[in-house]
Amino acid sequence: MNITTKPFEYMDGKTKCIGYIAWDESYHDPKPCVMVGHAWGGLDNFAENKAIQMAAQGYVGFAIDVYGNGQRGETQSENQALMTPFIQDRKMLLKRLKAAYKAAQNLDQVDENAVAMMGFCFGGLCTLDLARSGLDLAVAISFHGLFGANDLPPKKIKASVLALHGWDDPMVPPNDVSALGMELTKAKCDWQIHAYGGTSHAFMVEDANDPKNGVKYNARAERRAWTAALDLLSEKFTHHGVG
């Protein structure tokens, strides 16, 4: 295994986005790409490490930059200020996500017909929105993401969707879980929702520790969710001999 990583610049119109890619140079033929959507703080070490983990599985990991120019928040108020414009304008968000998707397809290391995405928290919402757009996304995996549908015209969802959810997450109450299930059923896509009992928001993040606000790491849920994600990626990309 010979994993290489580097920053990767791509454009959304006039906005420069600074992503991060990881791949195993032991593979010489194009491989599936797994885009990684960051949480509300921007593209951070957590997202970069997930890209590296994808490379270790034989994929090309691509941590995308939703906010542009590599912007990161340092405080909750800064994170909120970065995220809110995209939450309020899902058309703008989708345009930014499509720019990342196109950039992924154009990478020399990537099979342009084998692109997936996973996302965490805000990145989970991004993942679901990219799937909702009807693009030829193979897999869309949301880890403790927000489920609220956007106001854009509904499209046929081609991706296999996996939503990994902490049942005690105050940001996504049971009604939202049911609504997502109904939305995905109406879209007639291949979908799964895994809800983990006794599990809060940000359960995949080791340093998440704010139980008063429903934010808490959970090692058991992390292990189960990661296994489910890898299983689905392997199922969809088995013809590439990876996973």
Protein backbone atom coordinates (compact mmCIF):
# COMPACT_ATOMS: atom_id res chain seq x y z
CA MET A 1 0.00 0.00 0.00
CA ASN A 2 1.33 3.41 -1.00
CA ILE A 3 -1.18 6.10 -0.05
CA THR A 4 -0.57 9.58 -1.41
CA THR A 5 -2.46 12.68 -0.25
CA LYS A 6 -2.54 16.24 -1.49
CA PRO A 7 -4.74 19.35 -1.56
CA PHE A 8 -6.89 19.52 -4.66
CA GLU A 9 -8.23 22.77 -6.08
CA TYR A 10 -11.35 22.92 -8.21
CA MET A 11 -13.79 25.63 -9.19
CA ASP A 12 -17.46 26.37 -8.72
CA GLY A 13 -17.91 29.27 -11.11
CA LYS A 14 -15.54 31.93 -9.80
CA THR A 15 -15.19 30.35 -6.36
CA LYS A 16 -12.06 28.32 -5.73
CA CYS A 17 -12.61 25.25 -3.59
CA ILE A 18 -9.70 23.56 -1.84
CA GLY A 19 -10.39 19.89 -1.36
CA TYR A 20 -8.15 17.02 -0.31
CA ILE A 21 -7.58 13.74 -2.14
CA ALA A 22 -6.05 10.44 -1.09
CA TRP A 23 -5.33 7.38 -3.21
CA ASP A 24 -3.20 4.25 -3.20
CA GLU A 25 -0.59 4.45 -5.95
CA SER A 26 -0.32 0.66 -5.90
CA TYR A 27 -3.41 0.71 -8.13
CA HIS A 28 -2.76 1.76 -11.70
CA ASP A 29 -6.25 1.51 -13.16
CA PRO A 30 -8.99 4.07 -12.35
CA LYS A 31 -10.86 3.34 -9.13
CA PRO A 32 -14.18 4.40 -7.61
CA CYS A 33 -14.15 7.74 -5.84
CA VAL A 34 -15.80 8.34 -2.48
CA MET A 35 -16.46 12.00 -1.87
CA VAL A 36 -16.47 13.04 1.80
CA GLY A 37 -18.76 15.85 2.98
CA HIS A 38 -17.53 17.77 6.01
CA ALA A 39 -19.47 18.88 9.08
CA TRP A 40 -20.53 22.47 9.78
CA GLY A 41 -17.02 23.61 10.70
CA GLY A 42 -15.62 23.15 7.20
CA LEU A 43 -13.10 20.75 5.69
CA ASP A 44 -11.12 19.57 8.71
CA ASN A 45 -8.78 16.78 9.79
CA PHE A 46 -11.72 14.48 10.45
CA ALA A 47 -12.89 14.70 6.82
CA GLU A 48 -9.34 14.36 5.53
CA ASN A 49 -8.82 11.25 7.64
CA LYS A 50 -11.99 9.71 6.21
CA ALA A 51 -10.60 10.33 2.71
CA ILE A 52 -7.42 8.51 3.75
CA GLN A 53 -9.49 5.64 5.16
CA MET A 54 -11.25 5.38 1.82
CA ALA A 55 -7.89 5.21 0.06
CA ALA A 56 -6.87 2.40 2.40
CA GLN A 57 -9.97 0.51 1.22
CA GLY A 58 -8.84 0.83 -2.40
CA TYR A 59 -10.97 3.82 -3.38
CA VAL A 60 -9.99 7.39 -4.14
CA GLY A 61 -10.99 9.52 -1.17
CA PHE A 62 -11.97 13.11 -1.94
CA ALA A 63 -12.80 15.42 0.97
CA ILE A 64 -14.72 18.25 -0.64
CA ASP A 65 -14.77 21.94 0.30
CA VAL A 66 -18.38 23.11 0.43
CA TYR A 67 -17.69 26.58 1.81
CA GLY A 68 -15.00 27.48 -0.71
CA ASN A 69 -11.48 28.87 -0.29
CA GLY A 70 -10.82 26.31 2.45
CA GLN A 71 -12.86 28.28 4.97
CA ARG A 72 -13.15 26.78 8.46
CA GLY A 73 -14.95 27.95 11.56
CA GLU A 74 -13.27 28.11 14.94
CA THR A 75 -16.35 28.66 17.10
CA GLN A 76 -19.96 27.52 17.01
CA SER A 77 -21.07 30.97 15.87
CA GLU A 78 -18.53 30.95 13.04
CA ASN A 79 -19.60 27.45 12.01
CA GLN A 80 -23.23 28.54 11.97
CA ALA A 81 -22.38 31.60 9.89
CA LEU A 82 -20.60 29.43 7.31
CA MET A 83 -23.34 26.80 7.10
CA THR A 84 -26.50 28.91 7.24
CA PRO A 85 -26.32 30.44 3.72
CA PHE A 86 -26.16 26.94 2.21
CA ILE A 87 -28.96 25.61 4.42
CA GLN A 88 -31.12 28.56 3.35
CA ASP A 89 -30.25 28.28 -0.34
CA ARG A 90 -30.23 24.62 -1.28
CA LYS A 91 -29.95 25.51 -4.98
CA MET A 92 -26.62 27.22 -4.24
CA LEU A 93 -25.58 24.22 -2.15
CA LEU A 94 -26.40 21.79 -4.95
CA LYS A 95 -24.42 23.86 -7.45
CA ARG A 96 -21.39 23.67 -5.15
CA LEU A 97 -21.85 19.90 -4.70
CA LYS A 98 -22.18 19.32 -8.43
CA ALA A 99 -18.91 21.18 -8.99
CA ALA A 100 -17.21 18.75 -6.61
CA TYR A 101 -18.85 15.77 -8.31
CA LYS A 102 -17.61 16.93 -11.72
CA ALA A 103 -14.14 17.51 -10.30
CA ALA A 104 -14.14 13.97 -8.90
CA GLN A 105 -15.10 12.53 -12.29
CA ASN A 106 -12.23 14.39 -13.94
CA LEU A 107 -9.51 13.02 -11.65
CA ASP A 108 -7.08 10.77 -13.50
CA GLN A 109 -7.23 8.22 -10.68
CA VAL A 110 -11.04 7.92 -10.84
CA ASP A 111 -13.48 5.87 -12.88
CA GLU A 112 -15.93 8.62 -13.80
CA ASN A 113 -18.83 6.15 -13.73
CA ALA A 114 -18.14 5.04 -10.16
CA VAL A 115 -18.59 7.96 -7.77
CA ALA A 116 -20.07 7.73 -4.27
CA MET A 117 -20.41 10.17 -1.41
CA MET A 118 -20.49 10.00 2.36
CA GLY A 119 -21.04 12.91 4.70
CA PHE A 120 -21.12 13.74 8.38
CA CYS A 121 -23.63 16.08 10.08
CA PHE A 122 -24.02 18.97 7.58
CA GLY A 123 -22.13 16.74 5.16
CA GLY A 124 -24.86 14.13 5.57
CA LEU A 125 -27.41 16.66 4.34
CA CYS A 126 -25.07 17.46 1.44
CA THR A 127 -24.86 13.78 0.56
CA LEU A 128 -28.62 13.37 0.54
CA ASP A 129 -29.05 16.51 -1.55
CA LEU A 130 -26.57 15.28 -4.15
CA ALA A 131 -28.51 12.00 -4.35
CA ARG A 132 -31.79 13.92 -4.61
CA SER A 133 -30.42 15.77 -7.64
CA GLY A 134 -30.67 12.62 -9.75
CA LEU A 135 -26.98 12.47 -10.67
CA ASP A 136 -25.42 9.07 -11.45
CA LEU A 137 -24.16 8.72 -7.90
CA ALA A 138 -23.61 5.07 -7.00
CA VAL A 139 -23.91 5.36 -3.22
CA ALA A 140 -24.98 8.12 -0.81
CA ILE A 141 -24.17 7.56 2.87
CA SER A 142 -25.24 9.99 5.61
CA PHE A 143 -23.70 9.73 9.08
CA HIS A 144 -25.74 11.60 11.70
CA GLY A 145 -26.86 13.95 8.96
CA LEU A 146 -29.81 16.32 8.72
CA PHE A 147 -32.72 14.79 6.82
CA GLY A 148 -34.88 17.77 5.84
CA ALA A 149 -35.86 17.70 2.16
CA ASN A 150 -35.00 20.63 -0.08
CA ASP A 151 -37.46 22.71 -2.10
CA LEU A 152 -36.03 21.77 -5.50
CA PRO A 153 -38.01 19.78 -8.10
CA PRO A 154 -37.88 16.08 -7.19
CA LYS A 155 -35.74 13.85 -9.40
CA LYS A 156 -35.35 10.09 -9.65
CA ILE A 157 -32.77 9.04 -7.07
CA LYS A 158 -30.29 6.68 -8.72
CA ALA A 159 -28.00 6.23 -5.72
CA SER A 160 -28.29 3.49 -3.14
CA VAL A 161 -28.97 5.54 0.00
CA LEU A 162 -27.83 4.62 3.51
CA ALA A 163 -28.73 6.91 6.42
CA LEU A 164 -26.95 6.10 9.70
CA HIS A 165 -28.74 7.86 12.53
CA GLY A 166 -28.59 8.17 16.31
CA TRP A 167 -32.13 7.72 17.61
CA ASP A 168 -31.54 10.25 20.39
CA ASP A 169 -30.25 12.93 18.01
CA PRO A 170 -32.24 16.08 18.94
CA MET A 171 -31.52 17.61 15.53
CA VAL A 172 -33.37 14.82 13.71
CA PRO A 173 -36.54 13.82 15.60
CA PRO A 174 -38.48 10.64 14.73
CA ASN A 175 -40.85 12.54 12.44
CA ASP A 176 -37.88 13.52 10.27
CA VAL A 177 -36.78 9.90 10.07
CA SER A 178 -40.24 8.82 8.91
CA ALA A 179 -40.37 11.68 6.43
CA LEU A 180 -37.06 10.64 4.88
CA GLY A 181 -38.27 7.05 4.57
CA MET A 182 -41.42 8.22 2.81
CA GLU A 183 -39.45 10.55 0.54
CA LEU A 184 -37.04 7.79 -0.50
CA THR A 185 -39.87 5.31 -1.00
CA LYS A 186 -41.64 7.79 -3.27
CA ALA A 187 -38.40 8.19 -5.21
CA LYS A 188 -38.34 4.39 -5.66
CA CYS A 189 -34.68 4.17 -4.83
CA ASP A 190 -32.70 1.50 -3.00
CA TRP A 191 -32.57 2.79 0.56
CA GLN A 192 -31.76 1.88 4.16
CA ILE A 193 -32.08 3.79 7.42
CA HIS A 194 -30.20 2.42 10.44
CA ALA A 195 -31.20 3.99 13.75
CA TYR A 196 -28.96 3.29 16.73
CA GLY A 197 -30.56 3.29 20.17
CA GLY A 198 -28.96 5.24 23.01
CA THR A 199 -27.03 7.24 20.43
CA SER A 200 -26.81 11.00 19.99
CA HIS A 201 -25.67 13.41 17.31
CA ALA A 202 -22.03 13.26 16.09
CA PHE A 203 -21.63 9.67 17.30
CA MET A 204 -18.79 9.10 14.80
CA VAL A 205 -16.63 11.93 16.21
CA GLU A 206 -14.32 10.80 19.03
CA ASP A 207 -14.01 14.20 20.71
CA ALA A 208 -17.76 14.96 20.57
CA ASN A 209 -18.77 15.42 24.21
CA ASP A 210 -21.72 17.74 24.82
CA PRO A 211 -24.43 15.38 26.08
CA LYS A 212 -26.53 18.27 27.41
CA ASN A 213 -27.08 19.33 23.79
CA GLY A 214 -27.42 15.80 22.46
CA VAL A 215 -23.90 15.55 21.03
CA LYS A 216 -21.87 12.52 22.12
CA TYR A 217 -19.41 10.03 20.66
CA ASN A 218 -20.54 6.40 20.73
CA ALA A 219 -17.89 3.78 19.94
CA ARG A 220 -20.36 0.95 19.39
CA ALA A 221 -22.53 2.95 17.00
CA GLU A 222 -19.42 4.21 15.20
CA ARG A 223 -18.22 0.64 14.65
CA ARG A 224 -21.60 -0.58 13.45
CA ALA A 225 -22.19 2.40 11.17
CA TRP A 226 -18.73 2.21 9.59
CA THR A 227 -19.16 -1.50 8.94
CA ALA A 228 -22.52 -0.88 7.26
CA ALA A 229 -21.01 1.85 5.10
CA LEU A 230 -18.08 -0.28 3.98
CA ASP A 231 -20.40 -3.19 3.23
CA LEU A 232 -22.56 -1.08 0.93
CA LEU A 233 -19.55 0.41 -0.88
CA SER A 234 -18.11 -3.07 -1.35
CA GLU A 235 -21.44 -4.35 -2.66
CA LYS A 236 -21.72 -1.57 -5.24
CA PHE A 237 -18.08 -1.57 -6.34
CA THR A 238 -17.19 -5.25 -6.13
CA HIS A 239 -16.57 -5.35 -9.90
CA HIS A 240 -13.62 -3.03 -9.35
CA GLY A 241 -11.94 -5.55 -7.06
CA VAL A 242 -11.79 -3.17 -4.10
CA GLY A 243 -13.61 -2.83 -0.82
